[in-house]
Amino acid sequence: MLVYTVRRVLGAIPILILASVLTFVLIDVSGDPLADLRMQQPPPDPSVIQLQEERLYLDRSMPERYWLWVTGIGGNGDIGLLQGEFGPSTQSNSYDIGENIAERLGTTLRLVGAAMVFALGLAVLAGVVSAMRQYSKLDYTLTFIGFLALAMPVFWFAGIMQQAGVGFNELVGDQVLATIGDGVYQAQGEDFWGRVTNAFAYMTLPTIVLMLTSFASWSRYQRTSMLEVLNSDYVRLARAKGLPNRVVIRRHALRTALIPLTTVVAVGIAGIIDGAVLTERVFQWRGLGEFFITAVEKNDSYALMAWLLLSGVMVIVANLIADLLYGVLDPRIRYE
């Protein structure tokens, strides 16, 4: 198992390098970071543009800029992924991309992690129940909810939930559900129960929004996988031996049915990250979603490359964890 894990980690390195190359090339050819400066009226002095080109290393070739972005060799100390520097920002000389990512990463991981846990738990439960009660009223109801959730855009549902939260607060006459902000600063100085109450107030609505689409798709995959396993020969044999139904479901059927869902969840992490951008925007969370949108608005190329590369690392890590979970879910799988 250890050898396999090390091998998979080493195998992820070329994928990460390829992801960094594609990220750099796509952002580099997508536009000029100094387009807004060049279009100012009256036009800026050519020396100002030249200074900005030198500061952003735009006066060098694309291969040289990529080498600088990765290694920092030949730079001014503000660039180099291997040195922990993501590059200079077009927003200002004092804007530190790495520092801003570090400040926002915990906020986004808190939202994404909670949404994944609840979505996965509800998806497994709904998928198993639907499969065991195939073509029942409950199955049709869960199917309808799933397709309805898949049809709703994230930003639209976020707005609906925000308005619902306002209406609920007015109904109970208290600020039970927070509809704006992430609650990080409000939690400072609070005791344990104060932090729990604060987390519930600020995370409830965004978590529901972000987990909905994932729950809908994952529950459908789980239902299909569970139906296939329930109709397999080894499950029939387990029932023929007289094993209780709960033992057959939990120890034989469910563990095998979770293997396809594990792959789907690992691949779906990219969709959750995309959904987090829109969710944070609507609820005005100061996370990586706000960081990404600000970078797009400011045409901050190095900030965009940092965000995309970080997202790629998350997807690679999620797929590595999924590969390792296969052996836990199915003892027949052995890693040599």
C-alpha atoms as a PDB file:
ATOM      1  CA  MET A   1       0.000   0.000   0.000  1.00  0.00           C
ATOM      2  CA  LEU A   2       2.815   2.409   0.879  1.00  0.00           C
ATOM      3  CA  VAL A   3       4.651   1.638  -2.350  1.00  0.00           C
ATOM      4  CA  TYR A   4       1.475   2.195  -4.337  1.00  0.00           C
ATOM      5  CA  THR A   5       0.823   5.506  -2.580  1.00  0.00           C
ATOM      6  CA  VAL A   6       4.343   6.764  -3.280  1.00  0.00           C
ATOM      7  CA  ARG A   7       4.049   5.634  -6.893  1.00  0.00           C
ATOM      8  CA  ARG A   8       0.742   7.479  -7.329  1.00  0.00           C
ATOM      9  CA  VAL A   9       2.161  10.633  -5.755  1.00  0.00           C
ATOM     10  CA  LEU A  10       5.176  10.521  -8.060  1.00  0.00           C
ATOM     11  CA  GLY A  11       2.863   9.853 -10.997  1.00  0.00           C
ATOM     12  CA  ALA A  12       0.909  12.999 -10.157  1.00  0.00           C
ATOM     13  CA  ILE A  13       4.001  15.181 -10.618  1.00  0.00           C
ATOM     14  CA  PRO A  14       4.022  15.031 -14.467  1.00  0.00           C
ATOM     15  CA  ILE A  15       0.267  15.734 -14.442  1.00  0.00           C
ATOM     16  CA  LEU A  16       0.836  18.772 -12.236  1.00  0.00           C
ATOM     17  CA  ILE A  17       3.632  20.005 -14.531  1.00  0.00           C
ATOM     18  CA  LEU A  18       1.406  19.594 -17.580  1.00  0.00           C
ATOM     19  CA  ALA A  19      -1.402  21.426 -15.756  1.00  0.00           C
ATOM     20  CA  SER A  20       0.944  24.304 -14.961  1.00  0.00           C
ATOM     21  CA  VAL A  21       2.026  24.566 -18.617  1.00  0.00           C
ATOM     22  CA  LEU A  22      -1.550  24.576 -19.895  1.00  0.00           C
ATOM     23  CA  THR A  23      -2.607  27.082 -17.230  1.00  0.00           C
ATOM     24  CA  PHE A  24       0.214  29.456 -18.102  1.00  0.00           C
ATOM     25  CA  VAL A  25      -0.300  29.231 -21.867  1.00  0.00           C
ATOM     26  CA  LEU A  26      -4.087  29.681 -21.710  1.00  0.00           C
ATOM     27  CA  ILE A  27      -3.878  32.729 -19.446  1.00  0.00           C
ATOM     28  CA  ASP A  28      -0.943  34.194 -21.372  1.00  0.00           C
ATOM     29  CA  VAL A  29      -2.762  34.107 -24.724  1.00  0.00           C
ATOM     30  CA  SER A  30      -6.142  35.175 -23.303  1.00  0.00           C
ATOM     31  CA  GLY A  31      -5.371  38.880 -23.192  1.00  0.00           C
ATOM     32  CA  ASP A  32      -3.004  41.723 -22.354  1.00  0.00           C
ATOM     33  CA  PRO A  33      -2.770  42.434 -18.592  1.00  0.00           C
ATOM     34  CA  LEU A  34      -1.979  46.073 -19.414  1.00  0.00           C
ATOM     35  CA  ALA A  35      -4.900  46.550 -21.833  1.00  0.00           C
ATOM     36  CA  ASP A  36      -6.715  48.941 -19.478  1.00  0.00           C
ATOM     37  CA  LEU A  37      -3.569  50.996 -19.001  1.00  0.00           C
ATOM     38  CA  ARG A  38      -2.911  51.232 -22.737  1.00  0.00           C
ATOM     39  CA  MET A  39      -6.500  52.375 -23.421  1.00  0.00           C
ATOM     40  CA  GLN A  40      -6.517  55.215 -20.893  1.00  0.00           C
ATOM     41  CA  GLN A  41      -7.349  58.702 -22.150  1.00  0.00           C
ATOM     42  CA  PRO A  42      -5.162  60.640 -22.387  1.00  0.00           C
ATOM     43  CA  PRO A  43      -2.678  57.866 -23.257  1.00  0.00           C
ATOM     44  CA  PRO A  44      -0.026  57.250 -20.574  1.00  0.00           C
ATOM     45  CA  ASP A  45       3.612  58.030 -21.173  1.00  0.00           C
ATOM     46  CA  PRO A  46       5.423  55.175 -22.979  1.00  0.00           C
ATOM     47  CA  SER A  47       7.915  54.993 -20.108  1.00  0.00           C
ATOM     48  CA  VAL A  48       5.066  54.115 -17.710  1.00  0.00           C
ATOM     49  CA  ILE A  49       3.981  51.231 -19.904  1.00  0.00           C
ATOM     50  CA  GLN A  50       7.568  50.061 -20.248  1.00  0.00           C
ATOM     51  CA  LEU A  51       8.033  50.049 -16.474  1.00  0.00           C
ATOM     52  CA  GLN A  52       4.869  47.982 -16.017  1.00  0.00           C
ATOM     53  CA  GLU A  53       5.963  45.536 -18.716  1.00  0.00           C
ATOM     54  CA  GLU A  54       9.283  45.081 -16.934  1.00  0.00           C
ATOM     55  CA  ARG A  55       7.573  44.666 -13.548  1.00  0.00           C
ATOM     56  CA  LEU A  56       5.229  41.993 -14.939  1.00  0.00           C
ATOM     57  CA  TYR A  57       8.010  40.412 -17.045  1.00  0.00           C
ATOM     58  CA  LEU A  58       6.006  41.036 -20.228  1.00  0.00           C
ATOM     59  CA  ASP A  59       9.175  42.152 -21.981  1.00  0.00           C
ATOM     60  CA  ARG A  60      10.383  38.543 -22.063  1.00  0.00           C
ATOM     61  CA  SER A  61       9.405  35.586 -24.232  1.00  0.00           C
ATOM     62  CA  MET A  62       6.692  33.120 -23.188  1.00  0.00           C
ATOM     63  CA  PRO A  63       9.078  30.207 -22.407  1.00  0.00           C
ATOM     64  CA  GLU A  64      11.242  32.511 -20.301  1.00  0.00           C
ATOM     65  CA  ARG A  65       8.222  33.835 -18.422  1.00  0.00           C
ATOM     66  CA  TYR A  66       7.040  30.297 -17.675  1.00  0.00           C
ATOM     67  CA  TRP A  67      10.484  29.371 -16.364  1.00  0.00           C
ATOM     68  CA  LEU A  68      10.436  32.483 -14.193  1.00  0.00           C
ATOM     69  CA  TRP A  69       6.931  31.699 -12.930  1.00  0.00           C
ATOM     70  CA  VAL A  70       7.952  28.202 -11.846  1.00  0.00           C
ATOM     71  CA  THR A  71      11.507  28.672 -10.595  1.00  0.00           C
ATOM     72  CA  GLY A  72      11.922  32.407  -9.971  1.00  0.00           C
ATOM     73  CA  ILE A  73      15.456  32.208 -11.349  1.00  0.00           C
ATOM     74  CA  GLY A  74      16.280  35.518 -12.999  1.00  0.00           C
ATOM     75  CA  GLY A  75      13.395  37.362 -11.356  1.00  0.00           C
ATOM     76  CA  ASN A  76      13.226  40.094  -8.754  1.00  0.00           C
ATOM     77  CA  GLY A  77      12.213  37.880  -5.848  1.00  0.00           C
ATOM     78  CA  ASP A  78       8.461  38.359  -6.413  1.00  0.00           C
ATOM     79  CA  ILE A  79       7.963  35.348  -8.677  1.00  0.00           C
ATOM     80  CA  GLY A  80       8.689  31.613  -8.523  1.00  0.00           C
ATOM     81  CA  LEU A  81       6.308  28.853  -7.429  1.00  0.00           C
ATOM     82  CA  LEU A  82       9.190  26.835  -5.992  1.00  0.00           C
ATOM     83  CA  GLN A  83      10.020  29.839  -3.807  1.00  0.00           C
ATOM     84  CA  GLY A  84       6.414  30.349  -2.690  1.00  0.00           C
ATOM     85  CA  GLU A  85       5.860  33.414  -4.882  1.00  0.00           C
ATOM     86  CA  PHE A  86       3.050  33.487  -7.449  1.00  0.00           C
ATOM     87  CA  GLY A  87       4.222  36.572  -9.305  1.00  0.00           C
ATOM     88  CA  PRO A  88       3.555  40.319  -9.323  1.00  0.00           C
ATOM     89  CA  SER A  89      -0.045  41.504  -9.436  1.00  0.00           C
ATOM     90  CA  THR A  90      -1.449  44.006 -11.896  1.00  0.00           C
ATOM     91  CA  GLN A  91      -3.631  45.434  -9.113  1.00  0.00           C
ATOM     92  CA  SER A  92      -0.813  47.118  -7.182  1.00  0.00           C
ATOM     93  CA  ASN A  93       2.831  46.701  -6.240  1.00  0.00           C
ATOM     94  CA  SER A  94       1.881  45.836  -2.650  1.00  0.00           C
ATOM     95  CA  TYR A  95      -0.744  43.201  -3.523  1.00  0.00           C
ATOM     96  CA  ASP A  96       0.671  39.817  -2.459  1.00  0.00           C
ATOM     97  CA  ILE A  97      -1.078  37.016  -4.353  1.00  0.00           C
ATOM     98  CA  GLY A  98       0.135  34.223  -2.060  1.00  0.00           C
ATOM     99  CA  GLU A  99      -0.868  36.081   1.085  1.00  0.00           C
ATOM    100  CA  ASN A 100      -4.364  36.782  -0.260  1.00  0.00           C
ATOM    101  CA  ILE A 101      -4.818  33.142  -1.265  1.00  0.00           C
ATOM    102  CA  ALA A 102      -3.743  31.987   2.204  1.00  0.00           C
ATOM    103  CA  GLU A 103      -6.235  34.349   3.842  1.00  0.00           C
ATOM    104  CA  ARG A 104      -9.128  33.078   1.728  1.00  0.00           C
ATOM    105  CA  LEU A 105      -8.281  29.397   1.403  1.00  0.00           C
ATOM    106  CA  GLY A 106      -9.637  28.409   4.819  1.00  0.00           C
ATOM    107  CA  THR A 107     -12.952  30.153   4.169  1.00  0.00           C
ATOM    108  CA  THR A 108     -13.494  28.347   0.866  1.00  0.00           C
ATOM    109  CA  LEU A 109     -12.364  24.958   2.214  1.00  0.00           C
ATOM    110  CA  ARG A 110     -14.819  25.358   5.095  1.00  0.00           C
ATOM    111  CA  LEU A 111     -17.697  25.852   2.666  1.00  0.00           C
ATOM    112  CA  VAL A 112     -16.593  23.223   0.146  1.00  0.00           C
ATOM    113  CA  GLY A 113     -15.847  20.648   2.862  1.00  0.00           C
ATOM    114  CA  ALA A 114     -19.223  21.069   4.572  1.00  0.00           C
ATOM    115  CA  ALA A 115     -21.079  20.928   1.253  1.00  0.00           C
ATOM    116  CA  MET A 116     -19.248  17.744   0.184  1.00  0.00           C
ATOM    117  CA  VAL A 117     -19.869  15.961   3.504  1.00  0.00           C
ATOM    118  CA  PHE A 118     -23.597  16.708   3.540  1.00  0.00           C
ATOM    119  CA  ALA A 119     -24.026  16.103  -0.192  1.00  0.00           C
ATOM    120  CA  LEU A 120     -22.238  12.753  -0.024  1.00  0.00           C
ATOM    121  CA  GLY A 121     -24.114  11.588   3.071  1.00  0.00           C
ATOM    122  CA  LEU A 122     -27.514  12.514   1.674  1.00  0.00           C
ATOM    123  CA  ALA A 123     -26.664  11.113  -1.761  1.00  0.00           C
ATOM    124  CA  VAL A 124     -25.704   7.713  -0.351  1.00  0.00           C
ATOM    125  CA  LEU A 125     -28.838   7.591   1.802  1.00  0.00           C
ATOM    126  CA  ALA A 126     -31.153   8.701  -1.017  1.00  0.00           C
ATOM    127  CA  GLY A 127     -29.509   6.382  -3.551  1.00  0.00           C
ATOM    128  CA  VAL A 128     -29.772   3.325  -1.319  1.00  0.00           C
ATOM    129  CA  VAL A 129     -33.387   4.027  -0.362  1.00  0.00           C
ATOM    130  CA  SER A 130     -34.381   4.632  -3.986  1.00  0.00           C
ATOM    131  CA  ALA A 131     -32.718   1.407  -5.107  1.00  0.00           C
ATOM    132  CA  MET A 132     -34.294  -0.686  -2.361  1.00  0.00           C
ATOM    133  CA  ARG A 133     -37.731   0.798  -3.065  1.00  0.00           C
ATOM    134  CA  GLN A 134     -37.468   0.967  -6.835  1.00  0.00           C
ATOM    135  CA  TYR A 135     -40.521   2.441  -8.615  1.00  0.00           C
ATOM    136  CA  SER A 136     -42.191   3.329  -5.319  1.00  0.00           C
ATOM    137  CA  LYS A 137     -43.660   6.744  -4.532  1.00  0.00           C
ATOM    138  CA  LEU A 138     -40.570   7.551  -2.469  1.00  0.00           C
ATOM    139  CA  ASP A 139     -38.323   6.614  -5.393  1.00  0.00           C
ATOM    140  CA  TYR A 140     -40.288   8.836  -7.766  1.00  0.00           C
ATOM    141  CA  THR A 141     -40.200  11.697  -5.243  1.00  0.00           C
ATOM    142  CA  LEU A 142     -36.426  11.494  -4.778  1.00  0.00           C
ATOM    143  CA  THR A 143     -35.973  11.246  -8.550  1.00  0.00           C
ATOM    144  CA  PHE A 144     -38.083  14.371  -9.065  1.00  0.00           C
ATOM    145  CA  ILE A 145     -36.099  16.276  -6.422  1.00  0.00           C
ATOM    146  CA  GLY A 146     -32.841  15.180  -8.051  1.00  0.00           C
ATOM    147  CA  PHE A 147     -33.772  16.309 -11.553  1.00  0.00           C
ATOM    148  CA  LEU A 148     -35.221  19.557 -10.194  1.00  0.00           C
ATOM    149  CA  ALA A 149     -31.948  20.288  -8.389  1.00  0.00           C
ATOM    150  CA  LEU A 150     -29.932  19.530 -11.528  1.00  0.00           C
ATOM    151  CA  ALA A 151     -32.051  21.952 -13.530  1.00  0.00           C
ATOM    152  CA  MET A 152     -31.590  24.912 -11.169  1.00  0.00           C
ATOM    153  CA  PRO A 153     -28.608  27.232 -11.832  1.00  0.00           C
ATOM    154  CA  VAL A 154     -26.442  27.763  -8.763  1.00  0.00           C
ATOM    155  CA  PHE A 155     -26.548  31.564  -8.856  1.00  0.00           C
ATOM    156  CA  TRP A 156     -30.361  31.572  -9.225  1.00  0.00           C
ATOM    157  CA  PHE A 157     -30.899  29.122  -6.370  1.00  0.00           C
ATOM    158  CA  ALA A 158     -28.443  31.093  -4.213  1.00  0.00           C
ATOM    159  CA  GLY A 159     -30.518  34.234  -4.722  1.00  0.00           C
ATOM    160  CA  ILE A 160     -33.719  32.344  -3.871  1.00  0.00           C
ATOM    161  CA  MET A 161     -32.192  30.932  -0.678  1.00  0.00           C
ATOM    162  CA  GLN A 162     -30.901  34.359   0.291  1.00  0.00           C
ATOM    163  CA  GLN A 163     -34.385  35.844   0.011  1.00  0.00           C
ATOM    164  CA  ALA A 164     -35.818  32.848   1.873  1.00  0.00           C
ATOM    165  CA  GLY A 165     -33.345  33.479   4.681  1.00  0.00           C
ATOM    166  CA  VAL A 166     -34.453  37.105   4.929  1.00  0.00           C
ATOM    167  CA  GLY A 167     -38.083  36.014   5.057  1.00  0.00           C
ATOM    168  CA  PHE A 168     -37.367  33.403   7.740  1.00  0.00           C
ATOM    169  CA  ASN A 169     -35.560  35.953   9.928  1.00  0.00           C
ATOM    170  CA  GLU A 170     -38.489  38.333   9.624  1.00  0.00           C
ATOM    171  CA  LEU A 171     -40.903  35.527  10.507  1.00  0.00           C
ATOM    172  CA  VAL A 172     -39.116  34.510  13.718  1.00  0.00           C
ATOM    173  CA  GLY A 173     -38.158  38.091  14.585  1.00  0.00           C
ATOM    174  CA  ASP A 174     -34.446  37.302  15.009  1.00  0.00           C
ATOM    175  CA  GLN A 175     -31.259  37.069  12.915  1.00  0.00           C
ATOM    176  CA  VAL A 176     -31.105  33.274  12.887  1.00  0.00           C
ATOM    177  CA  LEU A 177     -29.715  32.869   9.354  1.00  0.00           C
ATOM    178  CA  ALA A 178     -27.063  35.251   8.044  1.00  0.00           C
ATOM    179  CA  THR A 179     -27.537  36.144   4.391  1.00  0.00           C
ATOM    180  CA  ILE A 180     -24.374  38.204   3.821  1.00  0.00           C
ATOM    181  CA  GLY A 181     -20.760  37.567   4.869  1.00  0.00           C
ATOM    182  CA  ASP A 182     -18.774  34.533   5.980  1.00  0.00           C
ATOM    183  CA  GLY A 183     -18.850  35.250   9.721  1.00  0.00           C
ATOM    184  CA  VAL A 184     -15.090  34.911  10.240  1.00  0.00           C
ATOM    185  CA  TYR A 185     -14.627  38.240  11.988  1.00  0.00           C
ATOM    186  CA  GLN A 186     -17.848  37.889  13.973  1.00  0.00           C
ATOM    187  CA  ALA A 187     -16.559  34.629  15.490  1.00  0.00           C
ATOM    188  CA  GLN A 188     -13.420  36.220  16.940  1.00  0.00           C
ATOM    189  CA  GLY A 189     -13.514  36.445  20.709  1.00  0.00           C
ATOM    190  CA  GLU A 190     -16.558  34.159  21.036  1.00  0.00           C
ATOM    191  CA  ASP A 191     -16.710  31.122  23.310  1.00  0.00           C
ATOM    192  CA  PHE A 192     -17.265  27.597  21.935  1.00  0.00           C
ATOM    193  CA  TRP A 193     -21.051  27.785  21.717  1.00  0.00           C
ATOM    194  CA  GLY A 194     -20.831  31.278  20.324  1.00  0.00           C
ATOM    195  CA  ARG A 195     -18.620  30.026  17.491  1.00  0.00           C
ATOM    196  CA  VAL A 196     -20.981  27.094  16.857  1.00  0.00           C
ATOM    197  CA  THR A 197     -23.982  29.420  16.646  1.00  0.00           C
ATOM    198  CA  ASN A 198     -22.064  31.800  14.415  1.00  0.00           C
ATOM    199  CA  ALA A 199     -20.996  28.968  12.080  1.00  0.00           C
ATOM    200  CA  PHE A 200     -24.565  27.682  11.835  1.00  0.00           C
ATOM    201  CA  ALA A 201     -25.933  31.138  11.044  1.00  0.00           C
ATOM    202  CA  TYR A 202     -23.444  31.930   8.275  1.00  0.00           C
ATOM    203  CA  MET A 203     -22.905  28.472   6.741  1.00  0.00           C
ATOM    204  CA  THR A 204     -26.427  27.085   6.542  1.00  0.00           C
ATOM    205  CA  LEU A 205     -27.686  28.814   3.394  1.00  0.00           C
ATOM    206  CA  PRO A 206     -24.443  28.708   1.313  1.00  0.00           C
ATOM    207  CA  THR A 207     -23.900  25.045   2.229  1.00  0.00           C
ATOM    208  CA  ILE A 208     -27.423  24.096   1.126  1.00  0.00           C
ATOM    209  CA  VAL A 209     -26.909  25.903  -2.181  1.00  0.00           C
ATOM    210  CA  LEU A 210     -23.508  24.377  -2.903  1.00  0.00           C
ATOM    211  CA  MET A 211     -24.411  20.822  -1.921  1.00  0.00           C
ATOM    212  CA  LEU A 212     -27.687  20.696  -3.889  1.00  0.00           C
ATOM    213  CA  THR A 213     -26.365  20.046  -7.398  1.00  0.00           C
ATOM    214  CA  SER A 214     -23.745  17.569  -6.178  1.00  0.00           C
ATOM    215  CA  PHE A 215     -26.319  15.722  -4.088  1.00  0.00           C
ATOM    216  CA  ALA A 216     -28.653  15.456  -7.084  1.00  0.00           C
ATOM    217  CA  SER A 217     -26.094  13.930  -9.451  1.00  0.00           C
ATOM    218  CA  TRP A 218     -24.383  11.751  -6.839  1.00  0.00           C
ATOM    219  CA  SER A 219     -27.675  10.272  -5.603  1.00  0.00           C
ATOM    220  CA  ARG A 220     -28.560   9.211  -9.154  1.00  0.00           C
ATOM    221  CA  TYR A 221     -25.180   7.519  -9.567  1.00  0.00           C
ATOM    222  CA  GLN A 222     -25.585   5.800  -6.202  1.00  0.00           C
ATOM    223  CA  ARG A 223     -29.075   4.548  -7.099  1.00  0.00           C
ATOM    224  CA  THR A 224     -27.873   3.094 -10.408  1.00  0.00           C
ATOM    225  CA  SER A 225     -24.832   1.459  -8.830  1.00  0.00           C
ATOM    226  CA  MET A 226     -26.884   0.046  -5.953  1.00  0.00           C
ATOM    227  CA  LEU A 227     -29.451  -1.463  -8.320  1.00  0.00           C
ATOM    228  CA  GLU A 228     -26.698  -3.187 -10.265  1.00  0.00           C
ATOM    229  CA  VAL A 229     -25.162  -4.632  -7.109  1.00  0.00           C
ATOM    230  CA  LEU A 230     -28.513  -5.770  -5.654  1.00  0.00           C
ATOM    231  CA  ASN A 231     -29.129  -7.810  -8.799  1.00  0.00           C
ATOM    232  CA  SER A 232     -25.685  -9.448  -8.723  1.00  0.00           C
ATOM    233  CA  ASP A 233     -25.142 -13.133  -8.026  1.00  0.00           C
ATOM    234  CA  TYR A 234     -23.118 -12.733  -4.835  1.00  0.00           C
ATOM    235  CA  VAL A 235     -25.864 -10.637  -3.202  1.00  0.00           C
ATOM    236  CA  ARG A 236     -28.431 -13.286  -4.119  1.00  0.00           C
ATOM    237  CA  LEU A 237     -26.127 -15.910  -2.612  1.00  0.00           C
ATOM    238  CA  ALA A 238     -25.765 -13.908   0.604  1.00  0.00           C
ATOM    239  CA  ARG A 239     -29.551 -13.700   0.924  1.00  0.00           C
ATOM    240  CA  ALA A 240     -29.902 -17.405   0.133  1.00  0.00           C
ATOM    241  CA  LYS A 241     -27.600 -18.172   3.071  1.00  0.00           C
ATOM    242  CA  GLY A 242     -30.141 -16.516   5.335  1.00  0.00           C
ATOM    243  CA  LEU A 243     -28.152 -13.406   6.213  1.00  0.00           C
ATOM    244  CA  PRO A 244     -30.263 -10.521   7.570  1.00  0.00           C
ATOM    245  CA  ASN A 245     -31.130  -7.932   4.947  1.00  0.00           C
ATOM    246  CA  ARG A 246     -29.310  -5.140   6.805  1.00  0.00           C
ATOM    247  CA  VAL A 247     -26.110  -7.218   6.828  1.00  0.00           C
ATOM    248  CA  VAL A 248     -26.443  -7.947   3.106  1.00  0.00           C
ATOM    249  CA  ILE A 249     -26.961  -4.266   2.326  1.00  0.00           C
ATOM    250  CA  ARG A 250     -24.259  -2.866   4.613  1.00  0.00           C
ATOM    251  CA  ARG A 251     -21.464  -5.432   4.314  1.00  0.00           C
ATOM    252  CA  HIS A 252     -21.935  -6.743   0.796  1.00  0.00           C
ATOM    253  CA  ALA A 253     -23.936  -4.403  -1.404  1.00  0.00           C
ATOM    254  CA  LEU A 254     -23.200  -0.887  -0.149  1.00  0.00           C
ATOM    255  CA  ARG A 255     -19.414  -1.136  -0.023  1.00  0.00           C
ATOM    256  CA  THR A 256     -19.246  -2.346  -3.608  1.00  0.00           C
ATOM    257  CA  ALA A 257     -21.789   0.214  -4.792  1.00  0.00           C
ATOM    258  CA  LEU A 258     -19.719   3.031  -3.303  1.00  0.00           C
ATOM    259  CA  ILE A 259     -16.773   2.387  -5.635  1.00  0.00           C
ATOM    260  CA  PRO A 260     -18.284   4.093  -8.744  1.00  0.00           C
ATOM    261  CA  LEU A 261     -19.547   6.943  -6.558  1.00  0.00           C
ATOM    262  CA  THR A 262     -16.029   7.463  -5.199  1.00  0.00           C
ATOM    263  CA  THR A 263     -14.767   8.097  -8.729  1.00  0.00           C
ATOM    264  CA  VAL A 264     -17.653  10.455  -9.488  1.00  0.00           C
ATOM    265  CA  VAL A 265     -17.053  12.448  -6.295  1.00  0.00           C
ATOM    266  CA  ALA A 266     -13.340  12.800  -7.052  1.00  0.00           C
ATOM    267  CA  VAL A 267     -14.056  14.083 -10.551  1.00  0.00           C
ATOM    268  CA  GLY A 268     -16.864  16.308  -9.283  1.00  0.00           C
ATOM    269  CA  ILE A 269     -14.581  18.354  -7.014  1.00  0.00           C
ATOM    270  CA  ALA A 270     -13.949  20.696  -9.959  1.00  0.00           C
ATOM    271  CA  GLY A 271     -17.679  21.388 -10.261  1.00  0.00           C
ATOM    272  CA  ILE A 272     -17.938  22.115  -6.553  1.00  0.00           C
ATOM    273  CA  ILE A 273     -15.093  24.620  -6.780  1.00  0.00           C
ATOM    274  CA  ASP A 274     -16.845  26.343  -9.684  1.00  0.00           C
ATOM    275  CA  GLY A 275     -20.088  26.399  -7.724  1.00  0.00           C
ATOM    276  CA  ALA A 276     -18.279  27.882  -4.729  1.00  0.00           C
ATOM    277  CA  VAL A 277     -17.247  30.880  -6.855  1.00  0.00           C
ATOM    278  CA  LEU A 278     -20.873  31.759  -7.616  1.00  0.00           C
ATOM    279  CA  THR A 279     -22.096  30.933  -4.115  1.00  0.00           C
ATOM    280  CA  GLU A 280     -19.476  33.109  -2.460  1.00  0.00           C
ATOM    281  CA  ARG A 281     -20.305  35.914  -4.849  1.00  0.00           C
ATOM    282  CA  VAL A 282     -24.000  35.895  -3.977  1.00  0.00           C
ATOM    283  CA  PHE A 283     -23.474  35.603  -0.213  1.00  0.00           C
ATOM    284  CA  GLN A 284     -20.456  37.963  -0.289  1.00  0.00           C
ATOM    285  CA  TRP A 285     -18.000  35.545   1.284  1.00  0.00           C
ATOM    286  CA  ARG A 286     -14.376  36.625   1.340  1.00  0.00           C
ATOM    287  CA  GLY A 287     -13.037  33.388  -0.108  1.00  0.00           C
ATOM    288  CA  LEU A 288     -11.261  32.160  -3.208  1.00  0.00           C
ATOM    289  CA  GLY A 289     -14.395  32.874  -5.223  1.00  0.00           C
ATOM    290  CA  GLU A 290     -14.061  36.599  -4.531  1.00  0.00           C
ATOM    291  CA  PHE A 291     -10.332  36.312  -5.248  1.00  0.00           C
ATOM    292  CA  PHE A 292     -11.023  34.729  -8.648  1.00  0.00           C
ATOM    293  CA  ILE A 293     -13.700  37.242  -9.690  1.00  0.00           C
ATOM    294  CA  THR A 294     -11.508  40.178  -8.650  1.00  0.00           C
ATOM    295  CA  ALA A 295      -8.613  38.734 -10.655  1.00  0.00           C
ATOM    296  CA  VAL A 296     -10.861  38.444 -13.728  1.00  0.00           C
ATOM    297  CA  GLU A 297     -12.149  42.011 -13.335  1.00  0.00           C
ATOM    298  CA  LYS A 298      -8.615  43.379 -12.918  1.00  0.00           C
ATOM    299  CA  ASN A 299      -7.178  41.117 -15.642  1.00  0.00           C
ATOM    300  CA  ASP A 300      -4.634  39.936 -13.081  1.00  0.00           C
ATOM    301  CA  SER A 301      -2.922  37.152 -15.024  1.00  0.00           C
ATOM    302  CA  TYR A 302      -0.640  35.837 -12.263  1.00  0.00           C
ATOM    303  CA  ALA A 303      -3.543  35.740  -9.788  1.00  0.00           C
ATOM    304  CA  LEU A 304      -5.663  33.796 -12.289  1.00  0.00           C
ATOM    305  CA  MET A 305      -2.838  31.329 -12.901  1.00  0.00           C
ATOM    306  CA  ALA A 306      -2.441  30.826  -9.150  1.00  0.00           C
ATOM    307  CA  TRP A 307      -6.172  30.146  -8.709  1.00  0.00           C
ATOM    308  CA  LEU A 308      -6.330  27.702 -11.622  1.00  0.00           C
ATOM    309  CA  LEU A 309      -3.214  25.854 -10.496  1.00  0.00           C
ATOM    310  CA  LEU A 310      -4.552  25.553  -6.942  1.00  0.00           C
ATOM    311  CA  SER A 311      -7.827  24.167  -8.303  1.00  0.00           C
ATOM    312  CA  GLY A 312      -5.873  21.655 -10.353  1.00  0.00           C
ATOM    313  CA  VAL A 313      -3.940  20.520  -7.287  1.00  0.00           C
ATOM    314  CA  MET A 314      -7.226  19.976  -5.416  1.00  0.00           C
ATOM    315  CA  VAL A 315      -8.576  17.798  -8.246  1.00  0.00           C
ATOM    316  CA  ILE A 316      -5.356  15.755  -8.414  1.00  0.00           C
ATOM    317  CA  VAL A 317      -5.348  15.197  -4.634  1.00  0.00           C
ATOM    318  CA  ALA A 318      -9.035  14.210  -4.689  1.00  0.00           C
ATOM    319  CA  ASN A 319      -8.384  11.609  -7.379  1.00  0.00           C
ATOM    320  CA  LEU A 320      -5.399  10.245  -5.439  1.00  0.00           C
ATOM    321  CA  ILE A 321      -7.564   9.838  -2.326  1.00  0.00           C
ATOM    322  CA  ALA A 322     -10.222   8.106  -4.433  1.00  0.00           C
ATOM    323  CA  ASP A 323      -7.679   5.600  -5.742  1.00  0.00           C
ATOM    324  CA  LEU A 324      -6.596   4.764  -2.198  1.00  0.00           C
ATOM    325  CA  LEU A 325     -10.189   4.343  -1.025  1.00  0.00           C
ATOM    326  CA  TYR A 326     -10.869   1.605  -3.578  1.00  0.00           C
ATOM    327  CA  GLY A 327      -8.918  -0.931  -1.516  1.00  0.00           C
ATOM    328  CA  VAL A 328     -10.776   0.096   1.648  1.00  0.00           C
ATOM    329  CA  LEU A 329     -14.220  -0.245   0.063  1.00  0.00           C
ATOM    330  CA  ASP A 330     -13.527  -3.512  -1.759  1.00  0.00           C
ATOM    331  CA  PRO A 331     -11.110  -5.998  -0.086  1.00  0.00           C
ATOM    332  CA  ARG A 332     -10.784  -7.804  -3.421  1.00  0.00           C
ATOM    333  CA  ILE A 333      -8.715  -4.912  -4.692  1.00  0.00           C
ATOM    334  CA  ARG A 334      -5.058  -5.263  -3.789  1.00  0.00           C
ATOM    335  CA  TYR A 335      -2.250  -2.839  -4.510  1.00  0.00           C
ATOM    336  CA  GLU A 336       1.015  -4.369  -5.563  1.00  0.00           C
END
